[in-house]
């Protein structure tokens, strides 16, 4: 009954090996060929989750505006120069449009000077040219009012947002609009007084059509000069913002 099991009664050394000695680990763990049940029952380590105090990685340089790590659109001086540049471009377009409208008002008044003289004397406007020029003058006066208000508001915004020459340009635009209007009335009154004092009036004491042409011809110079000032201010806003962005 003990054949094939070894000399130890067939229980301790039944596979032909020596029984483990006291104080020594089993043979499988000593030579690295076996593993304990705890080792087989252990699963693979779970991936480490980010700690509660660690934030998620922010986007890089191309992240959405306002996110952590995103590059701000403005420069280090706190000015949003892309927006100032856009304001400058709109101001340039508005200044050119305003100059064209105001010169157009004077030209339409020169063409329809007969109707202007008749209206000033309290008479009726007759003739196709006079009626047409009067309608054009009305539309141009409305356009002048609307464009002037828009350009003046944008000039104030540019003066508040900008720095250096951009702020100076915004001030030139914002101040140039009311100054041009004031100069128009001053010039008209002065020219009327001078012409009336020189006797260049008709029998009713009103200016004639030729005198109105002279007044509006001089006013073209005023419109061009003030338009150039407003255009210069718009150029300051746009060029300064462009230099800041390219620096």
Protein backbone atom coordinates (compact mmCIF):
# COMPACT_ATOMS: atom_id res chain seq x y z
CA UNK A 1 0.00 0.00 0.00
CA UNK A 2 3.01 2.29 0.35
CA UNK A 3 4.47 1.51 -3.07
CA UNK A 4 5.10 4.64 -5.16
CA UNK A 5 4.34 7.13 -2.35
CA UNK A 6 7.73 7.39 -0.69
CA UNK A 7 8.96 6.33 2.72
CA UNK A 8 6.72 8.69 4.78
CA UNK A 9 3.51 6.77 4.85
CA UNK A 10 2.17 8.06 1.53
CA UNK A 11 0.83 11.40 2.84
CA UNK A 12 3.45 14.07 3.32
CA UNK A 13 5.83 13.22 0.43
CA UNK A 14 3.40 11.54 -1.85
CA UNK A 15 4.63 13.40 -5.00
CA UNK A 16 8.20 12.43 -4.46
CA UNK A 17 9.31 15.71 -2.88
CA UNK A 18 10.56 16.43 0.57
CA UNK A 19 8.14 17.79 3.17
CA UNK A 20 8.56 21.45 4.02
CA UNK A 21 10.66 22.15 7.03
CA UNK A 22 9.47 24.31 9.87
CA UNK A 23 10.33 27.98 9.39
CA UNK A 24 10.87 27.65 5.63
CA UNK A 25 8.40 28.86 2.96
CA UNK A 26 6.90 26.38 0.54
CA UNK A 27 9.03 25.39 -2.41
CA UNK A 28 6.78 27.04 -4.98
CA UNK A 29 7.16 30.47 -3.38
CA UNK A 30 10.87 30.02 -2.75
CA UNK A 31 11.86 29.39 -6.33
CA UNK A 32 9.26 31.76 -7.88
CA UNK A 33 7.29 28.99 -9.66
CA UNK A 34 4.11 29.26 -7.63
CA UNK A 35 1.76 31.89 -6.30
CA UNK A 36 -0.40 32.16 -3.25
CA UNK A 37 -4.20 32.23 -3.53
CA UNK A 38 -4.23 35.87 -2.51
CA UNK A 39 -2.07 36.73 -5.55
CA UNK A 40 -4.41 34.97 -7.97
CA UNK A 41 -7.44 36.62 -6.48
CA UNK A 42 -6.06 40.16 -6.78
CA UNK A 43 -7.32 42.09 -9.81
CA UNK A 44 -5.39 44.54 -11.97
CA UNK A 45 -4.91 47.96 -10.37
CA UNK A 46 -7.62 50.49 -11.25
CA UNK A 47 -6.55 53.64 -13.09
CA UNK A 48 -5.88 56.52 -10.78
CA UNK A 49 -8.59 59.14 -10.83
CA UNK A 50 -7.70 62.83 -10.52
CA UNK A 51 -7.81 64.17 -7.02
CA UNK A 52 -10.62 66.33 -5.74
CA UNK A 53 -8.32 69.34 -5.57
CA UNK A 54 -6.98 69.00 -9.11
CA UNK A 55 -8.72 70.82 -11.93
CA UNK A 56 -9.15 69.50 -15.41
CA UNK A 57 -6.43 70.56 -17.87
CA UNK A 58 -7.33 73.82 -19.52
CA UNK A 59 -7.34 74.37 -23.25
CA UNK A 60 -4.26 75.54 -25.02
CA UNK A 61 -3.61 78.71 -26.87
CA UNK A 62 -6.48 78.08 -29.22
CA UNK A 63 -9.08 77.52 -26.50
CA UNK A 64 -12.45 79.16 -26.45
CA UNK A 65 -12.57 82.76 -25.17
CA UNK A 66 -12.82 83.05 -21.44
CA UNK A 67 -11.50 79.55 -20.71
CA UNK A 68 -8.49 78.87 -18.51
CA UNK A 69 -5.32 79.10 -20.54
CA UNK A 70 -6.96 80.82 -23.51
CA UNK A 71 -5.03 83.69 -25.05
CA UNK A 72 -6.94 86.98 -24.64
CA UNK A 73 -7.78 88.94 -27.75
CA UNK A 74 -6.55 92.21 -26.28
CA UNK A 75 -3.01 93.26 -25.46
CA UNK A 76 -1.33 93.66 -22.12
CA UNK A 77 -2.57 97.24 -21.70
CA UNK A 78 -6.15 96.07 -21.23
CA UNK A 79 -7.43 97.43 -24.56
CA UNK A 80 -9.40 95.25 -26.95
CA UNK A 81 -7.48 96.38 -30.01
CA UNK A 82 -9.31 94.11 -32.50
CA UNK A 83 -12.56 95.83 -31.56
CA UNK A 84 -10.91 99.26 -31.73
CA UNK A 85 -9.61 98.38 -35.19
CA UNK A 86 -13.13 97.46 -36.28
CA UNK A 87 -14.41 100.76 -34.90
CA UNK A 88 -11.71 102.58 -36.82
CA UNK A 89 -12.70 100.90 -40.07
CA UNK A 90 -16.37 101.78 -39.54
CA UNK A 91 -15.36 105.35 -38.69
CA UNK A 92 -13.34 105.61 -41.90
CA UNK A 93 -16.34 104.48 -43.95
CA UNK A 94 -18.65 106.81 -42.03
CA UNK A 95 -16.30 109.78 -42.42
CA UNK A 96 -16.07 109.31 -46.19
CA UNK A 97 -19.83 108.87 -46.44
CA UNK A 98 -20.42 111.95 -44.30
CA UNK A 99 -18.07 114.04 -46.44
CA UNK A 100 -19.85 112.91 -49.60
CA UNK A 101 -23.27 113.72 -48.11
CA UNK A 102 -22.30 117.21 -46.97
CA UNK A 103 -20.62 118.13 -50.23
CA UNK A 104 -23.67 116.71 -51.99
CA UNK A 105 -25.93 119.00 -49.96
CA UNK A 106 -23.98 122.04 -51.08
CA UNK A 107 -23.92 120.93 -54.72
CA UNK A 108 -27.67 120.22 -54.71
CA UNK A 109 -28.27 123.65 -53.17
CA UNK A 110 -26.15 125.30 -55.86
CA UNK A 111 -28.06 123.49 -58.61
CA UNK A 112 -31.42 124.36 -57.05
CA UNK A 113 -30.47 127.84 -55.91
CA UNK A 114 -33.54 129.30 -57.63
CA UNK A 115 -35.81 127.10 -55.54
CA UNK A 116 -33.85 127.91 -52.39
CA UNK A 117 -34.17 131.65 -53.06
CA UNK A 118 -37.90 131.31 -53.74
CA UNK A 119 -38.40 129.27 -50.57
CA UNK A 120 -36.41 131.82 -48.55
CA UNK A 121 -38.60 134.61 -49.88
CA UNK A 122 -41.76 132.70 -48.96
CA UNK A 123 -42.69 131.82 -52.53
CA UNK A 124 -43.48 128.50 -54.17
CA UNK A 125 -40.87 126.23 -55.70
CA UNK A 126 -41.53 125.84 -59.41
CA UNK A 127 -39.73 124.01 -62.17
CA UNK A 128 -38.62 120.41 -62.42
CA UNK A 129 -35.00 121.12 -61.50
CA UNK A 130 -35.94 123.13 -58.43
CA UNK A 131 -38.42 120.50 -57.23
CA UNK A 132 -35.97 117.66 -57.85
CA UNK A 133 -33.13 119.42 -56.08
CA UNK A 134 -35.41 120.19 -53.14
CA UNK A 135 -36.30 116.50 -52.77
CA UNK A 136 -32.63 115.54 -53.01
CA UNK A 137 -31.77 118.15 -50.38
CA UNK A 138 -34.42 116.74 -48.05
CA UNK A 139 -33.08 113.18 -48.38
CA UNK A 140 -29.49 114.35 -47.95
CA UNK A 141 -30.35 116.34 -44.83
CA UNK A 142 -31.98 113.24 -43.28
CA UNK A 143 -28.98 111.07 -44.23
CA UNK A 144 -26.61 113.70 -42.83
CA UNK A 145 -28.44 113.68 -39.50
CA UNK A 146 -28.44 109.87 -39.17
CA UNK A 147 -24.83 109.34 -40.28
CA UNK A 148 -23.61 112.20 -38.09
CA UNK A 149 -25.23 110.68 -35.00
CA UNK A 150 -23.79 107.23 -35.71
CA UNK A 151 -20.27 108.55 -36.38
CA UNK A 152 -20.33 110.75 -33.28
CA UNK A 153 -21.41 107.85 -31.02
CA UNK A 154 -18.73 105.55 -32.49
CA UNK A 155 -16.15 108.30 -32.01
CA UNK A 156 -17.07 108.55 -28.31
CA UNK A 157 -16.78 104.76 -27.94
CA UNK A 158 -13.36 104.78 -29.64
CA UNK A 159 -12.18 107.59 -27.37
CA UNK A 160 -13.23 105.62 -24.28
CA UNK A 161 -11.77 102.27 -25.41
CA UNK A 162 -8.58 103.45 -27.11
CA UNK A 163 -5.24 104.68 -25.85
CA UNK A 164 -2.81 107.24 -27.23
CA UNK A 165 -3.50 108.31 -30.80
CA UNK A 166 -6.57 106.07 -30.96
CA UNK A 167 -8.14 108.05 -28.14
CA UNK A 168 -7.13 111.32 -29.82
CA UNK A 169 -8.74 110.15 -33.04
CA UNK A 170 -11.97 109.29 -31.28
CA UNK A 171 -12.04 112.74 -29.69
CA UNK A 172 -11.47 114.40 -33.08
CA UNK A 173 -14.37 112.48 -34.58
CA UNK A 174 -16.74 113.04 -31.67
CA UNK A 175 -15.97 116.77 -31.41
CA UNK A 176 -15.76 117.35 -35.16
CA UNK A 177 -19.44 116.51 -35.74
CA UNK A 178 -20.99 119.29 -33.59
CA UNK A 179 -18.22 121.74 -34.45
CA UNK A 180 -18.95 121.30 -38.17
CA UNK A 181 -22.64 122.04 -37.56
CA UNK A 182 -21.84 125.13 -35.49
CA UNK A 183 -19.46 126.40 -38.16
CA UNK A 184 -22.14 125.91 -40.79
CA UNK A 185 -24.57 128.21 -39.02
CA UNK A 186 -21.87 130.75 -38.18
CA UNK A 187 -20.70 130.84 -41.79
CA UNK A 188 -24.24 131.14 -43.12
CA UNK A 189 -25.05 134.04 -40.79
CA UNK A 190 -21.79 135.85 -41.50
CA UNK A 191 -22.16 135.43 -45.25
CA UNK A 192 -25.76 136.65 -45.10
CA UNK A 193 -24.79 139.73 -43.09
CA UNK A 194 -21.89 140.56 -45.41
CA UNK A 195 -23.99 140.17 -48.56
CA UNK A 196 -26.87 142.17 -47.08
CA UNK A 197 -24.49 144.93 -45.97
CA UNK A 198 -22.94 145.09 -49.42
CA UNK A 199 -26.35 145.58 -51.02
CA UNK A 200 -26.37 142.21 -52.72
CA UNK A 201 -30.09 141.69 -52.15
CA UNK A 202 -33.19 142.03 -54.23
CA UNK A 203 -35.96 144.59 -53.80
CA UNK A 204 -37.59 142.56 -51.01
CA UNK A 205 -34.36 142.40 -49.05
CA UNK A 206 -33.77 138.68 -49.74
CA UNK A 207 -30.69 137.05 -51.19
CA UNK A 208 -30.87 136.17 -54.82
CA UNK A 209 -30.12 132.76 -56.36
CA UNK A 210 -26.60 133.83 -57.35
CA UNK A 211 -25.86 134.92 -53.80
CA UNK A 212 -27.07 131.56 -52.48
CA UNK A 213 -24.73 129.85 -54.92
CA UNK A 214 -21.89 131.91 -53.50
CA UNK A 215 -22.82 130.99 -49.91
CA UNK A 216 -23.01 127.27 -50.64
CA UNK A 217 -19.83 127.43 -52.71
CA UNK A 218 -17.96 128.79 -49.70
CA UNK A 219 -19.64 126.16 -47.51
CA UNK A 220 -18.11 123.41 -49.65
CA UNK A 221 -14.70 124.53 -48.33
CA UNK A 222 -15.99 124.24 -44.76
CA UNK A 223 -17.46 120.79 -45.43
CA UNK A 224 -14.19 119.54 -46.96
CA UNK A 225 -12.04 120.91 -44.11
CA UNK A 226 -14.23 119.47 -41.34
CA UNK A 227 -14.60 116.23 -43.25
CA UNK A 228 -10.80 115.99 -43.44
CA UNK A 229 -10.56 116.48 -39.65
CA UNK A 230 -13.12 113.73 -39.01
CA UNK A 231 -11.39 111.46 -41.53
CA UNK A 232 -8.03 112.10 -39.86
CA UNK A 233 -9.48 111.12 -36.48
CA UNK A 234 -10.89 107.90 -37.93
CA UNK A 235 -7.49 107.15 -39.48
CA UNK A 236 -5.79 107.62 -36.10
CA UNK A 237 -8.15 105.09 -34.51
CA UNK A 238 -7.68 102.46 -37.21
CA UNK A 239 -3.92 102.87 -37.76
CA UNK A 240 -3.10 102.81 -34.03
CA UNK A 241 -5.08 99.63 -33.47
CA UNK A 242 -3.46 98.04 -36.52
CA UNK A 243 0.04 98.83 -35.23
CA UNK A 244 -0.78 97.45 -31.79
CA UNK A 245 -2.01 94.18 -33.27
CA UNK A 246 1.01 93.79 -35.56
CA UNK A 247 3.53 94.54 -32.79
